[in-house]
Protein backbone atom coordinates (compact mmCIF):
# COMPACT_ATOMS: atom_id res chain seq x y z
CA UNK A 1 4.40 12.28 15.55
CA UNK A 2 4.76 12.02 11.81
CA UNK A 3 1.48 12.74 10.03
CA UNK A 4 0.62 13.45 6.43
CA UNK A 5 -2.93 13.60 5.11
CA UNK A 6 -4.28 11.10 7.62
CA UNK A 7 -1.26 8.78 7.58
CA UNK A 8 0.21 8.40 11.04
CA UNK A 9 2.78 6.18 12.68
CA UNK A 10 1.97 2.49 12.69
CA UNK A 11 3.98 -0.67 13.13
CA UNK A 12 1.38 -2.86 11.36
CA UNK A 13 1.54 -5.17 14.35
CA UNK A 14 5.31 -5.58 14.21
CA UNK A 15 8.04 -4.33 16.48
CA UNK A 16 11.34 -5.31 14.98
CA UNK A 17 13.10 -8.18 13.30
CA UNK A 18 16.16 -7.97 11.09
CA UNK A 19 14.46 -8.94 7.87
CA UNK A 20 10.75 -9.00 8.58
CA UNK A 21 10.81 -12.72 9.32
CA UNK A 22 7.64 -12.58 11.41
CA UNK A 23 5.81 -10.50 13.94
CA UNK A 24 8.38 -10.09 16.70
CA UNK A 25 8.24 -7.93 19.78
CA UNK A 26 10.88 -5.84 21.51
CA UNK A 27 12.86 -2.94 20.16
CA UNK A 28 16.22 -2.98 18.46
CA UNK A 29 19.45 -1.15 19.08
CA UNK A 30 19.65 2.09 17.11
CA UNK A 31 22.36 2.78 14.62
CA UNK A 32 23.95 5.51 16.75
CA UNK A 33 24.91 5.88 20.38
CA UNK A 34 23.34 2.61 21.49
CA UNK A 35 19.84 4.17 21.49
CA UNK A 36 16.93 1.82 21.29
CA UNK A 37 14.48 2.38 18.50
CA UNK A 38 11.01 0.83 18.49
CA UNK A 39 9.75 -0.04 15.06
CA UNK A 40 6.20 0.12 16.45
CA UNK A 41 6.56 3.88 15.88
CA UNK A 42 7.36 3.56 12.17
CA UNK A 43 5.02 4.96 9.56
CA UNK A 44 3.56 2.48 7.07
CA UNK A 45 4.23 4.06 3.68
CA UNK A 46 2.46 3.16 0.42
CA UNK A 47 5.24 3.34 -2.19
CA UNK A 48 6.20 2.52 -5.75
CA UNK A 49 9.20 0.32 -6.40
CA UNK A 50 11.00 3.20 -8.13
CA UNK A 51 10.83 5.15 -4.87
CA UNK A 52 12.50 2.26 -3.06
CA UNK A 53 15.19 1.75 -5.70
CA UNK A 54 15.99 5.49 -5.76
CA UNK A 55 15.81 6.13 -2.00
CA UNK A 56 18.81 7.58 -0.20
CA UNK A 57 20.89 6.41 2.76
CA UNK A 58 21.86 9.59 4.71
CA UNK A 59 24.85 7.86 6.28
CA UNK A 60 26.05 4.24 6.65
CA UNK A 61 23.68 2.34 8.91
CA UNK A 62 20.95 5.00 8.81
CA UNK A 63 17.36 4.29 7.84
CA UNK A 64 16.77 4.70 4.12
CA UNK A 65 14.94 7.92 3.26
CA UNK A 66 12.04 8.26 0.81
CA UNK A 67 11.03 11.86 0.04
CA UNK A 68 13.59 12.93 2.64
CA UNK A 69 11.96 11.01 5.52
CA UNK A 70 13.38 7.84 7.12
CA UNK A 71 11.29 4.94 5.86
CA UNK A 72 11.26 1.34 7.04
CA UNK A 73 7.74 -0.10 6.98
CA UNK A 74 6.31 -0.07 3.45
CA UNK A 75 3.48 -1.53 1.42
CA UNK A 76 3.69 -2.05 -2.35
CA UNK A 77 1.69 -3.72 -5.09
CA UNK A 78 3.05 -5.52 -8.16
CA UNK A 79 3.34 -8.67 -10.24
CA UNK A 80 5.49 -11.67 -9.41
CA UNK A 81 8.11 -11.93 -12.16
CA UNK A 82 10.40 -14.55 -10.60
CA UNK A 83 10.29 -16.95 -7.65
CA UNK A 84 13.36 -18.35 -5.90
CA UNK A 85 12.35 -20.80 -3.13
CA UNK A 86 15.04 -21.81 -0.64
CA UNK A 87 15.13 -23.78 2.58
CA UNK A 88 14.52 -20.84 4.91
CA UNK A 89 12.93 -18.19 2.67
CA UNK A 90 11.30 -17.47 -0.66
CA UNK A 91 12.53 -14.55 -2.73
CA UNK A 92 10.09 -12.91 -5.14
CA UNK A 93 11.08 -10.47 -7.89
CA UNK A 94 8.22 -7.94 -7.93
CA UNK A 95 7.40 -5.55 -10.81
CA UNK A 96 4.92 -2.67 -10.46
CA UNK A 97 5.61 -0.93 -13.78
CA UNK A 98 8.03 1.56 -12.21
CA UNK A 99 10.83 -0.87 -11.37
CA UNK A 100 11.81 -4.26 -9.98
CA UNK A 101 12.70 -5.23 -6.42
CA UNK A 102 13.30 -8.43 -4.47
CA UNK A 103 10.94 -9.31 -1.63
CA UNK A 104 12.24 -11.92 0.81
CA UNK A 105 9.62 -13.86 2.80
CA UNK A 106 10.98 -16.03 5.60
CA UNK A 107 9.47 -19.49 6.11
CA UNK A 108 8.02 -20.31 9.51
CA UNK A 109 10.21 -23.13 10.86
CA UNK A 110 7.22 -24.58 12.73
CA UNK A 111 5.06 -24.62 9.58
CA UNK A 112 7.44 -25.27 6.67
CA UNK A 113 4.67 -26.66 4.46
CA UNK A 114 2.51 -23.54 4.81
CA UNK A 115 4.69 -21.40 2.51
CA UNK A 116 3.23 -21.97 -0.96
CA UNK A 117 4.96 -19.77 -3.56
CA UNK A 118 2.78 -17.42 -5.58
CA UNK A 119 2.54 -18.24 -9.29
CA UNK A 120 4.31 -16.09 -11.87
CA UNK A 121 2.41 -12.96 -13.00
CA UNK A 122 0.20 -13.01 -9.89
CA UNK A 123 -0.60 -9.55 -8.55
CA UNK A 124 0.29 -9.32 -4.87
CA UNK A 125 0.30 -6.77 -2.07
CA UNK A 126 3.39 -6.77 0.13
CA UNK A 127 3.74 -5.42 3.66
CA UNK A 128 7.34 -5.40 4.82
CA UNK A 129 10.50 -3.61 5.88
CA UNK A 130 12.78 -1.77 3.47
CA UNK A 131 16.41 -2.84 3.73
CA UNK A 132 19.73 -2.39 1.97
CA UNK A 133 22.57 -4.88 1.57
CA UNK A 134 25.74 -3.97 -0.31
CA UNK A 135 23.94 -0.99 -1.78
CA UNK A 136 21.08 -3.10 -3.15
CA UNK A 137 17.54 -2.47 -1.92
CA UNK A 138 15.18 -5.26 -0.97
CA UNK A 139 12.07 -5.72 1.18
CA UNK A 140 11.78 -8.19 4.04
CA UNK A 141 8.18 -9.35 3.70
CA UNK A 142 6.07 -9.48 6.86
CA UNK A 143 2.93 -10.44 4.95
CA UNK A 144 2.17 -11.11 1.26
CA UNK A 145 -1.26 -11.78 -0.20
CA UNK A 146 -2.72 -12.18 -3.68
CA UNK A 147 -4.84 -9.33 -5.06
CA UNK A 148 -8.33 -10.38 -6.08
CA UNK A 149 -9.67 -7.03 -7.33
CA UNK A 150 -7.53 -5.19 -9.88
CA UNK A 151 -8.97 -1.89 -8.65
CA UNK A 152 -6.62 -2.30 -5.68
CA UNK A 153 -3.64 -1.94 -8.03
CA UNK A 154 -4.91 1.40 -9.33
CA UNK A 155 -5.89 2.52 -5.84
CA UNK A 156 -2.42 1.80 -4.50
CA UNK A 157 -0.71 3.84 -7.22
CA UNK A 158 -3.02 6.78 -6.50
CA UNK A 159 -2.42 6.41 -2.77
CA UNK A 160 1.37 6.33 -3.20
CA UNK A 161 1.16 9.42 -5.43
CA UNK A 162 -1.03 11.22 -2.90
CA UNK A 163 1.38 10.58 -0.02
CA UNK A 164 4.39 11.57 -2.15
CA UNK A 165 2.75 14.89 -3.10
CA UNK A 166 1.72 15.61 0.48
CA UNK A 167 5.31 15.17 1.61
CA UNK A 168 6.98 17.05 -1.23
CA UNK A 169 4.43 19.72 -2.16
CA UNK A 170 2.27 20.06 0.94
CA UNK A 171 -1.49 19.68 1.21
CA UNK A 172 -3.39 21.00 -1.81
CA UNK A 173 -5.26 24.26 -1.29
CA UNK A 174 -9.01 23.92 -1.85
CA UNK A 175 -10.13 25.86 -4.88
CA UNK A 176 -13.84 25.06 -4.90
CA UNK A 177 -16.61 25.03 -2.33
CA UNK A 178 -16.45 21.29 -1.66
CA UNK A 179 -12.71 21.36 -0.94
CA UNK A 180 -13.12 24.38 1.32
CA UNK A 181 -15.90 22.60 3.20
CA UNK A 182 -13.72 19.52 3.65
CA UNK A 183 -10.86 21.65 4.98
CA UNK A 184 -13.24 23.36 7.44
CA UNK A 185 -14.48 19.95 8.64
CA UNK A 186 -10.87 18.80 9.13
CA UNK A 187 -10.10 21.88 11.23
CA UNK A 188 -13.12 21.11 13.39
CA UNK A 189 -11.95 17.52 13.87
CA UNK A 190 -14.80 16.16 11.76
CA UNK A 191 -12.89 14.73 8.83
CA UNK A 192 -9.74 12.94 7.87
CA UNK A 193 -9.00 14.31 4.41
CA UNK A 194 -8.29 10.91 2.83
CA UNK A 195 -11.87 10.18 1.86
CA UNK A 196 -14.25 11.97 -0.49
CA UNK A 197 -17.26 11.66 1.83
CA UNK A 198 -16.78 12.91 5.35
CA UNK A 199 -20.17 11.54 6.34
CA UNK A 200 -22.10 8.33 5.79
CA UNK A 201 -24.36 7.85 2.82
CA UNK A 202 -23.19 10.95 0.96
CA UNK A 203 -25.77 13.34 2.45
CA UNK A 204 -29.42 13.59 3.42
CA UNK A 205 -31.23 12.55 6.56
CA UNK A 206 -29.23 9.37 7.05
CA UNK A 207 -25.98 11.34 6.88
CA UNK A 208 -27.28 13.94 9.34
CA UNK A 209 -28.41 11.21 11.71
CA UNK A 210 -25.11 9.36 11.69
CA UNK A 211 -23.17 12.61 12.08
CA UNK A 212 -25.25 13.37 15.15
CA UNK A 213 -24.30 9.98 16.59
CA UNK A 214 -20.65 10.59 15.74
CA UNK A 215 -20.59 14.02 17.37
CA UNK A 216 -19.27 12.76 20.75
CA UNK A 217 -16.65 10.54 19.09
CA UNK A 218 -12.95 11.34 18.78
CA UNK A 219 -11.28 12.21 15.50
CA UNK A 220 -9.62 8.79 15.40
CA UNK A 221 -13.00 7.09 15.77
CA UNK A 222 -14.36 9.24 12.93
CA UNK A 223 -11.42 8.29 10.74
CA UNK A 224 -12.08 4.58 11.31
CA UNK A 225 -15.81 5.06 10.70
CA UNK A 226 -15.17 6.93 7.44
CA UNK A 227 -12.90 4.15 6.24
CA UNK A 228 -15.55 1.51 7.00
CA UNK A 229 -18.25 3.62 5.33
CA UNK A 230 -16.24 4.18 2.15
CA UNK A 231 -14.77 0.68 1.76
CA UNK A 232 -16.05 -2.03 -0.54
CA UNK A 233 -17.62 -5.00 1.19
CA UNK A 234 -19.85 -5.35 4.21
CA UNK A 235 -17.07 -5.56 6.82
CA UNK A 236 -13.36 -4.86 7.21
CA UNK A 237 -10.66 -6.67 9.20
CA UNK A 238 -8.15 -4.93 11.47
CA UNK A 239 -5.32 -5.41 8.93
CA UNK A 240 -7.40 -3.72 6.22
CA UNK A 241 -8.18 -0.78 8.49
CA UNK A 242 -4.47 -0.41 9.37
CA UNK A 243 -3.48 -0.40 5.70
CA UNK A 244 -6.28 1.96 4.69
CA UNK A 245 -6.02 4.56 7.44
CA UNK A 246 -2.36 4.47 8.47
CA UNK A 247 -3.39 4.40 12.13
CA UNK A 248 -1.67 2.18 14.66
CA UNK A 249 -3.27 -1.05 15.85
CA UNK A 250 -3.66 0.44 19.33
CA UNK A 251 -5.43 3.54 18.00
CA UNK A 252 -7.76 1.47 15.84
CA UNK A 253 -8.68 -0.87 18.68
CA UNK A 254 -9.43 2.13 20.90
CA UNK A 255 -11.48 3.79 18.15
CA UNK A 256 -13.53 0.67 17.46
CA UNK A 257 -14.23 0.24 21.17
CA UNK A 258 -15.53 3.81 21.14
CA UNK A 259 -17.72 3.17 18.09
CA UNK A 260 -18.98 -0.10 19.55
CA UNK A 261 -19.87 1.70 22.77
CA UNK A 262 -21.99 4.21 20.85
CA UNK A 263 -23.72 1.44 18.88
CA UNK A 264 -22.37 2.69 15.55
CA UNK A 265 -20.51 -0.47 14.46
CA UNK A 266 -20.61 -4.14 15.39
CA UNK A 267 -18.23 -7.11 15.19
CA UNK A 268 -18.81 -9.77 12.53
CA UNK A 269 -16.49 -12.74 11.89
CA UNK A 270 -14.36 -12.09 14.99
CA UNK A 271 -13.43 -9.36 17.48
CA UNK A 272 -11.13 -7.71 14.92
CA UNK A 273 -13.61 -7.45 12.04
CA UNK A 274 -16.24 -4.69 12.00
CA UNK A 275 -19.18 -3.41 9.99
CA UNK A 276 -21.42 -0.35 10.28
CA UNK A 277 -24.67 -0.90 12.13
CA UNK A 278 -27.52 0.28 9.88
CA UNK A 279 -30.26 2.14 11.67
């Protein structure tokens, strides 16, 4: 299983589709030997547009490779520079300061009026599948949403840089006591390495108490808890947890069931939105 700094394989709820035109099940035929490849096993990569424009195709028909690893499912952040609405899709030209790329969002035939184009210069986050046609890269958009907090733009660039360095340089060696402590906690299965705080509340009695309650929980459950504890806002939806942790939907649902069973989190707006239960 591919793993780098807490990022693991996830299909972001999708399992195929030629151009990301919706959340479709079933696997596709592989590019060689008739093997079937399930895109539910793909890793969701935070990337810059320059990485997508510069990525390599090992051989005709192969998955495009970013940092030497096959990459299909990606998330990027940028501004809408051009909009080209058509009968069956809307193509956006997205700019993140490192380059430009087209993002094609298919229109749901059953809800043609629901596809309202984003205005020019709007900052958006894109989840989609990287593709190449006639040597030109583009992204088939599964889901596009407007960004309301500009901090998300900066966070994404840092996240993409972090993942790139993990893949090309390896994990950074801890030089001070805090880094060494975090590495020790990771080895013991107590931390994920993506977050500054491995506990809840940053220390003290509350942190000790919550760590005691987390002690019987799995590493995946701890990862989900740490994300909830370190995220802005009172609660987080499943899609936000997927994007923030890199875990699969199945792993997150299992982890939240575990946390719910221990009385550590509770559901809020629906069964896929959670918040930490204060004690």
